[in-house]
Amino acid sequence: MNETKKLIEQITEGIQDKKGQKIVIADLTHIDDTICNYFIICQGNSPSQVTAIVDSVREHAHQGAHVKPYSIDGLRNAQWVAMDYADVLVHVFLPETRDFYNLETLWADAQLTQIPDLD
């Protein structure tokens, strides 16, 4: 398994560990001029859950894939937190913020994989 796939797996587990919902993996590898190869988008129901998901993703990625994020942005208000893992960008939203920005439709030509909620 290549390093990026391993990282995606660890990030997904980290999200699921804190009951993150509506996980979507956008494969951007076939699109020119993108800032990364994959987006992982999910949501939490409160700022504290968003923060818990971010912490869990950071921990899983570090322990399972030995990778630390280059940056994490948005923790102050925790409505939309972006985690930069170079090849993979993780977006953790509150539901209303996610609906507003609607990243999935921005990347309409990306291959989207929806991960079922664990509950």
N, C-alpha and C. Protein backbone atom coordinates (compact mmCIF):
# COMPACT_ATOMS: atom_id res chain seq x y z
N MET A 1 0.86 -1.18 0.00
CA MET A 1 0.00 0.00 0.00
C MET A 1 0.90 1.24 0.00
N ASN A 2 0.62 2.19 -0.90
CA ASN A 2 1.49 3.35 -0.92
C ASN A 2 1.21 4.28 0.26
N GLU A 3 2.11 5.21 0.48
CA GLU A 3 2.05 6.07 1.67
C GLU A 3 0.80 6.93 1.71
N THR A 4 0.38 7.44 0.56
CA THR A 4 -0.80 8.30 0.53
C THR A 4 -2.05 7.51 0.89
N LYS A 5 -2.18 6.29 0.34
CA LYS A 5 -3.35 5.45 0.66
C LYS A 5 -3.37 5.11 2.16
N LYS A 6 -2.20 4.84 2.72
CA LYS A 6 -2.09 4.54 4.14
C LYS A 6 -2.53 5.77 4.96
N LEU A 7 -2.07 6.93 4.54
CA LEU A 7 -2.45 8.17 5.24
C LEU A 7 -3.96 8.39 5.18
N ILE A 8 -4.56 8.19 4.00
CA ILE A 8 -6.01 8.37 3.85
C ILE A 8 -6.76 7.41 4.77
N GLU A 9 -6.29 6.18 4.84
CA GLU A 9 -6.89 5.19 5.72
C GLU A 9 -6.82 5.64 7.19
N GLN A 10 -5.67 6.13 7.60
CA GLN A 10 -5.49 6.58 8.98
C GLN A 10 -6.35 7.81 9.29
N ILE A 11 -6.42 8.73 8.34
CA ILE A 11 -7.25 9.93 8.52
C ILE A 11 -8.72 9.53 8.67
N THR A 12 -9.16 8.62 7.81
CA THR A 12 -10.56 8.15 7.87
C THR A 12 -10.85 7.51 9.22
N GLU A 13 -9.93 6.68 9.70
CA GLU A 13 -10.12 6.06 11.02
C GLU A 13 -10.18 7.11 12.12
N GLY A 14 -9.33 8.13 12.01
CA GLY A 14 -9.33 9.20 13.00
C GLY A 14 -10.65 9.94 13.03
N ILE A 15 -11.23 10.18 11.85
CA ILE A 15 -12.54 10.85 11.77
C ILE A 15 -13.61 9.96 12.39
N GLN A 16 -13.61 8.69 12.02
CA GLN A 16 -14.63 7.76 12.51
C GLN A 16 -14.52 7.55 14.02
N ASP A 17 -13.30 7.61 14.53
CA ASP A 17 -13.05 7.44 15.95
C ASP A 17 -13.82 8.45 16.80
N LYS A 18 -14.04 9.64 16.25
CA LYS A 18 -14.76 10.70 16.98
C LYS A 18 -16.13 10.95 16.38
N LYS A 19 -16.65 9.93 15.69
CA LYS A 19 -18.01 9.97 15.14
C LYS A 19 -18.22 11.09 14.11
N GLY A 20 -17.14 11.41 13.36
CA GLY A 20 -17.30 12.36 12.26
C GLY A 20 -18.24 11.77 11.22
N GLN A 21 -18.99 12.62 10.56
CA GLN A 21 -20.04 12.12 9.65
C GLN A 21 -19.83 12.60 8.23
N LYS A 22 -20.56 11.91 7.32
CA LYS A 22 -20.59 12.25 5.90
C LYS A 22 -19.19 12.44 5.33
N ILE A 23 -18.36 11.43 5.52
CA ILE A 23 -16.98 11.49 5.02
C ILE A 23 -16.99 11.30 3.50
N VAL A 24 -16.33 12.21 2.81
CA VAL A 24 -16.19 12.11 1.36
C VAL A 24 -14.71 12.24 1.03
N ILE A 25 -14.22 11.32 0.22
CA ILE A 25 -12.84 11.39 -0.27
C ILE A 25 -12.91 11.79 -1.74
N ALA A 26 -12.32 12.94 -2.06
CA ALA A 26 -12.30 13.42 -3.44
C ALA A 26 -10.92 13.13 -4.02
N ASP A 27 -10.90 12.32 -5.06
CA ASP A 27 -9.66 11.97 -5.75
C ASP A 27 -9.42 13.00 -6.86
N LEU A 28 -8.41 13.83 -6.68
CA LEU A 28 -8.12 14.91 -7.63
C LEU A 28 -6.94 14.57 -8.53
N THR A 29 -6.48 13.32 -8.49
CA THR A 29 -5.26 12.95 -9.21
C THR A 29 -5.39 13.10 -10.72
N HIS A 30 -6.61 13.07 -11.25
CA HIS A 30 -6.78 13.18 -12.71
C HIS A 30 -7.16 14.59 -13.14
N ILE A 31 -7.05 15.55 -12.22
CA ILE A 31 -7.39 16.93 -12.53
C ILE A 31 -6.10 17.75 -12.52
N ASP A 32 -5.91 18.56 -13.55
CA ASP A 32 -4.69 19.36 -13.65
C ASP A 32 -4.72 20.54 -12.68
N ASP A 33 -3.53 20.95 -12.27
CA ASP A 33 -3.35 22.18 -11.47
C ASP A 33 -4.11 22.21 -10.15
N THR A 34 -4.12 21.10 -9.44
CA THR A 34 -4.74 21.11 -8.11
C THR A 34 -3.65 21.28 -7.06
N ILE A 35 -4.04 21.75 -5.89
CA ILE A 35 -3.06 21.99 -4.84
C ILE A 35 -2.67 20.71 -4.11
N CYS A 36 -3.47 19.66 -4.29
CA CYS A 36 -3.16 18.37 -3.65
C CYS A 36 -3.79 17.26 -4.49
N ASN A 37 -3.58 16.01 -4.08
CA ASN A 37 -4.16 14.88 -4.82
C ASN A 37 -5.49 14.41 -4.26
N TYR A 38 -5.72 14.66 -2.97
CA TYR A 38 -6.96 14.20 -2.34
C TYR A 38 -7.49 15.24 -1.37
N PHE A 39 -8.80 15.39 -1.36
CA PHE A 39 -9.51 16.11 -0.31
C PHE A 39 -10.24 15.06 0.50
N ILE A 40 -10.21 15.21 1.80
CA ILE A 40 -11.09 14.40 2.66
C ILE A 40 -11.96 15.40 3.40
N ILE A 41 -13.26 15.27 3.23
CA ILE A 41 -14.21 16.22 3.79
C ILE A 41 -15.12 15.46 4.76
N CYS A 42 -15.36 16.07 5.92
CA CYS A 42 -16.28 15.46 6.87
C CYS A 42 -16.88 16.56 7.74
N GLN A 43 -17.73 16.15 8.66
CA GLN A 43 -18.33 17.15 9.54
C GLN A 43 -18.53 16.60 10.94
N GLY A 44 -18.55 17.56 11.87
CA GLY A 44 -18.88 17.29 13.26
C GLY A 44 -20.03 18.21 13.64
N ASN A 45 -20.76 17.86 14.68
CA ASN A 45 -21.99 18.59 15.00
C ASN A 45 -21.79 19.81 15.90
N SER A 46 -20.59 20.01 16.42
CA SER A 46 -20.33 21.16 17.30
C SER A 46 -18.86 21.53 17.16
N PRO A 47 -18.51 22.78 17.54
CA PRO A 47 -17.09 23.15 17.50
C PRO A 47 -16.22 22.20 18.33
N SER A 48 -16.71 21.73 19.46
CA SER A 48 -15.89 20.83 20.27
C SER A 48 -15.71 19.47 19.58
N GLN A 49 -16.73 18.99 18.86
CA GLN A 49 -16.56 17.74 18.11
C GLN A 49 -15.61 17.94 16.94
N VAL A 50 -15.70 19.08 16.25
CA VAL A 50 -14.77 19.38 15.16
C VAL A 50 -13.34 19.34 15.68
N THR A 51 -13.10 19.98 16.82
CA THR A 51 -11.76 19.99 17.42
C THR A 51 -11.31 18.58 17.80
N ALA A 52 -12.22 17.79 18.35
CA ALA A 52 -11.89 16.40 18.72
C ALA A 52 -11.53 15.57 17.49
N ILE A 53 -12.25 15.78 16.38
CA ILE A 53 -11.96 15.07 15.14
C ILE A 53 -10.56 15.45 14.64
N VAL A 54 -10.25 16.74 14.67
CA VAL A 54 -8.93 17.21 14.23
C VAL A 54 -7.83 16.57 15.07
N ASP A 55 -8.01 16.56 16.38
CA ASP A 55 -7.01 15.94 17.27
C ASP A 55 -6.85 14.45 16.98
N SER A 56 -7.97 13.78 16.73
CA SER A 56 -7.94 12.34 16.44
C SER A 56 -7.26 12.06 15.11
N VAL A 57 -7.55 12.87 14.10
CA VAL A 57 -6.90 12.71 12.79
C VAL A 57 -5.39 12.89 12.94
N ARG A 58 -5.00 13.93 13.66
CA ARG A 58 -3.58 14.22 13.87
C ARG A 58 -2.89 13.01 14.54
N GLU A 59 -3.53 12.47 15.55
CA GLU A 59 -2.98 11.32 16.28
C GLU A 59 -2.89 10.07 15.40
N HIS A 60 -3.98 9.74 14.69
CA HIS A 60 -3.98 8.56 13.83
C HIS A 60 -2.95 8.67 12.71
N ALA A 61 -2.86 9.85 12.09
CA ALA A 61 -1.91 10.04 10.99
C ALA A 61 -0.48 9.91 11.49
N HIS A 62 -0.24 10.44 12.68
CA HIS A 62 1.11 10.39 13.24
C HIS A 62 1.49 8.96 13.63
N GLN A 63 0.58 8.28 14.33
CA GLN A 63 0.89 6.92 14.80
C GLN A 63 0.84 5.88 13.68
N GLY A 64 -0.17 5.97 12.81
CA GLY A 64 -0.36 4.93 11.80
C GLY A 64 0.41 5.14 10.52
N ALA A 65 0.68 6.41 10.16
CA ALA A 65 1.36 6.69 8.89
C ALA A 65 2.64 7.50 9.09
N HIS A 66 2.94 7.83 10.34
CA HIS A 66 4.17 8.57 10.69
C HIS A 66 4.26 9.90 9.95
N VAL A 67 3.13 10.60 9.88
CA VAL A 67 3.06 11.88 9.17
C VAL A 67 2.43 12.92 10.08
N LYS A 68 3.02 14.12 10.06
CA LYS A 68 2.46 15.25 10.79
C LYS A 68 1.94 16.27 9.79
N PRO A 69 0.87 17.00 10.13
CA PRO A 69 0.37 18.01 9.18
C PRO A 69 1.36 19.17 9.05
N TYR A 70 1.44 19.74 7.84
CA TYR A 70 2.27 20.93 7.63
C TYR A 70 1.64 22.12 8.32
N SER A 71 0.31 22.17 8.29
CA SER A 71 -0.39 23.24 8.99
C SER A 71 -1.82 22.82 9.29
N ILE A 72 -2.38 23.48 10.29
CA ILE A 72 -3.79 23.29 10.65
C ILE A 72 -4.35 24.69 10.81
N ASP A 73 -5.42 24.97 10.10
CA ASP A 73 -5.99 26.31 10.11
C ASP A 73 -7.47 26.26 10.45
N GLY A 74 -7.93 27.19 11.27
CA GLY A 74 -9.36 27.29 11.55
C GLY A 74 -9.77 26.81 12.93
N LEU A 75 -8.81 26.42 13.75
CA LEU A 75 -9.15 25.87 15.07
C LEU A 75 -9.77 26.92 16.00
N ARG A 76 -9.49 28.19 15.77
CA ARG A 76 -9.97 29.21 16.70
C ARG A 76 -11.50 29.17 16.84
N ASN A 77 -12.22 29.17 15.70
CA ASN A 77 -13.69 29.10 15.81
C ASN A 77 -14.24 27.72 15.47
N ALA A 78 -13.40 26.86 14.92
CA ALA A 78 -13.73 25.45 14.67
C ALA A 78 -15.04 25.26 13.89
N GLN A 79 -15.26 26.13 12.90
CA GLN A 79 -16.40 25.93 11.99
C GLN A 79 -15.95 25.20 10.73
N TRP A 80 -14.71 25.49 10.35
CA TRP A 80 -14.08 24.83 9.21
C TRP A 80 -12.60 24.75 9.52
N VAL A 81 -12.10 23.56 9.77
CA VAL A 81 -10.69 23.37 10.05
C VAL A 81 -10.07 22.64 8.86
N ALA A 82 -8.99 23.20 8.34
CA ALA A 82 -8.27 22.57 7.23
C ALA A 82 -6.94 22.05 7.76
N MET A 83 -6.63 20.80 7.42
CA MET A 83 -5.38 20.16 7.82
C MET A 83 -4.61 19.83 6.54
N ASP A 84 -3.39 20.33 6.45
CA ASP A 84 -2.59 20.18 5.25
C ASP A 84 -1.56 19.07 5.43
N TYR A 85 -1.76 17.97 4.71
CA TYR A 85 -0.79 16.87 4.69
C TYR A 85 -0.13 16.78 3.31
N ALA A 86 0.08 17.93 2.65
CA ALA A 86 0.71 18.02 1.32
C ALA A 86 -0.13 17.34 0.24
N ASP A 87 -0.07 16.02 0.12
CA ASP A 87 -0.85 15.28 -0.88
C ASP A 87 -2.33 15.23 -0.54
N VAL A 88 -2.63 15.37 0.75
CA VAL A 88 -4.00 15.20 1.24
C VAL A 88 -4.39 16.43 2.06
N LEU A 89 -5.52 17.03 1.71
CA LEU A 89 -6.07 18.12 2.52
C LEU A 89 -7.32 17.61 3.22
N VAL A 90 -7.38 17.78 4.53
CA VAL A 90 -8.53 17.33 5.31
C VAL A 90 -9.34 18.56 5.70
N HIS A 91 -10.65 18.49 5.46
CA HIS A 91 -11.56 19.58 5.82
C HIS A 91 -12.58 19.04 6.80
N VAL A 92 -12.60 19.63 8.00
CA VAL A 92 -13.57 19.23 9.02
C VAL A 92 -14.49 20.43 9.25
N PHE A 93 -15.76 20.24 8.96
CA PHE A 93 -16.74 21.32 8.97
C PHE A 93 -17.81 21.15 10.05
N LEU A 94 -18.44 22.25 10.41
CA LEU A 94 -19.77 22.20 11.01
C LEU A 94 -20.74 22.05 9.84
N PRO A 95 -21.90 21.37 10.04
CA PRO A 95 -22.80 21.09 8.91
C PRO A 95 -23.20 22.34 8.10
N GLU A 96 -23.57 23.44 8.78
CA GLU A 96 -24.05 24.62 8.05
C GLU A 96 -22.90 25.28 7.26
N THR A 97 -21.68 25.22 7.79
CA THR A 97 -20.52 25.78 7.08
C THR A 97 -20.21 24.90 5.86
N ARG A 98 -20.32 23.60 6.05
CA ARG A 98 -20.07 22.68 4.93
C ARG A 98 -21.09 22.92 3.81
N ASP A 99 -22.36 23.08 4.18
CA ASP A 99 -23.40 23.32 3.18
C ASP A 99 -23.13 24.62 2.42
N PHE A 100 -22.67 25.64 3.15
CA PHE A 100 -22.41 26.94 2.55
C PHE A 100 -21.30 26.87 1.51
N TYR A 101 -20.19 26.24 1.85
CA TYR A 101 -19.03 26.20 0.94
C TYR A 101 -19.13 25.10 -0.10
N ASN A 102 -19.80 24.01 0.23
CA ASN A 102 -20.12 22.93 -0.72
C ASN A 102 -18.92 22.53 -1.60
N LEU A 103 -17.82 22.16 -0.95
CA LEU A 103 -16.60 21.81 -1.68
C LEU A 103 -16.79 20.66 -2.67
N GLU A 104 -17.69 19.74 -2.34
CA GLU A 104 -17.88 18.59 -3.23
C GLU A 104 -18.30 19.03 -4.63
N THR A 105 -19.13 20.08 -4.74
CA THR A 105 -19.56 20.51 -6.07
C THR A 105 -18.49 21.35 -6.77
N LEU A 106 -17.62 22.01 -5.98
CA LEU A 106 -16.51 22.75 -6.59
C LEU A 106 -15.60 21.82 -7.38
N TRP A 107 -15.47 20.60 -6.87
CA TRP A 107 -14.61 19.60 -7.53
C TRP A 107 -15.48 18.55 -8.19
N ALA A 108 -16.44 19.01 -8.99
CA ALA A 108 -17.43 18.10 -9.59
C ALA A 108 -16.80 17.02 -10.46
N ASP A 109 -15.65 17.32 -11.08
CA ASP A 109 -15.03 16.30 -11.94
C ASP A 109 -14.08 15.38 -11.19
N ALA A 110 -14.01 15.54 -9.87
CA ALA A 110 -13.21 14.62 -9.07
C ALA A 110 -14.01 13.34 -8.84
N GLN A 111 -13.29 12.25 -8.64
CA GLN A 111 -13.96 11.01 -8.28
C GLN A 111 -14.24 11.07 -6.78
N LEU A 112 -15.54 11.02 -6.40
CA LEU A 112 -15.92 11.13 -4.99
C LEU A 112 -16.26 9.76 -4.43
N THR A 113 -15.68 9.45 -3.28
CA THR A 113 -15.98 8.20 -2.58
C THR A 113 -16.62 8.57 -1.26
N GLN A 114 -17.82 8.09 -1.03
CA GLN A 114 -18.49 8.38 0.23
C GLN A 114 -18.28 7.22 1.18
N ILE A 115 -17.86 7.55 2.41
CA ILE A 115 -17.63 6.53 3.43
C ILE A 115 -18.87 6.51 4.33
N PRO A 116 -19.52 5.36 4.48
CA PRO A 116 -20.74 5.32 5.30
C PRO A 116 -20.44 5.70 6.77
N ASP A 117 -21.39 6.41 7.39
CA ASP A 117 -21.26 6.73 8.81
C ASP A 117 -21.27 5.43 9.62
N LEU A 118 -20.55 5.42 10.72
CA LEU A 118 -20.45 4.20 11.53
C LEU A 118 -21.66 3.95 12.41
N ASP A 119 -22.40 5.01 12.76
CA ASP A 119 -23.57 4.80 13.63
C ASP A 119 -24.62 4.06 12.85
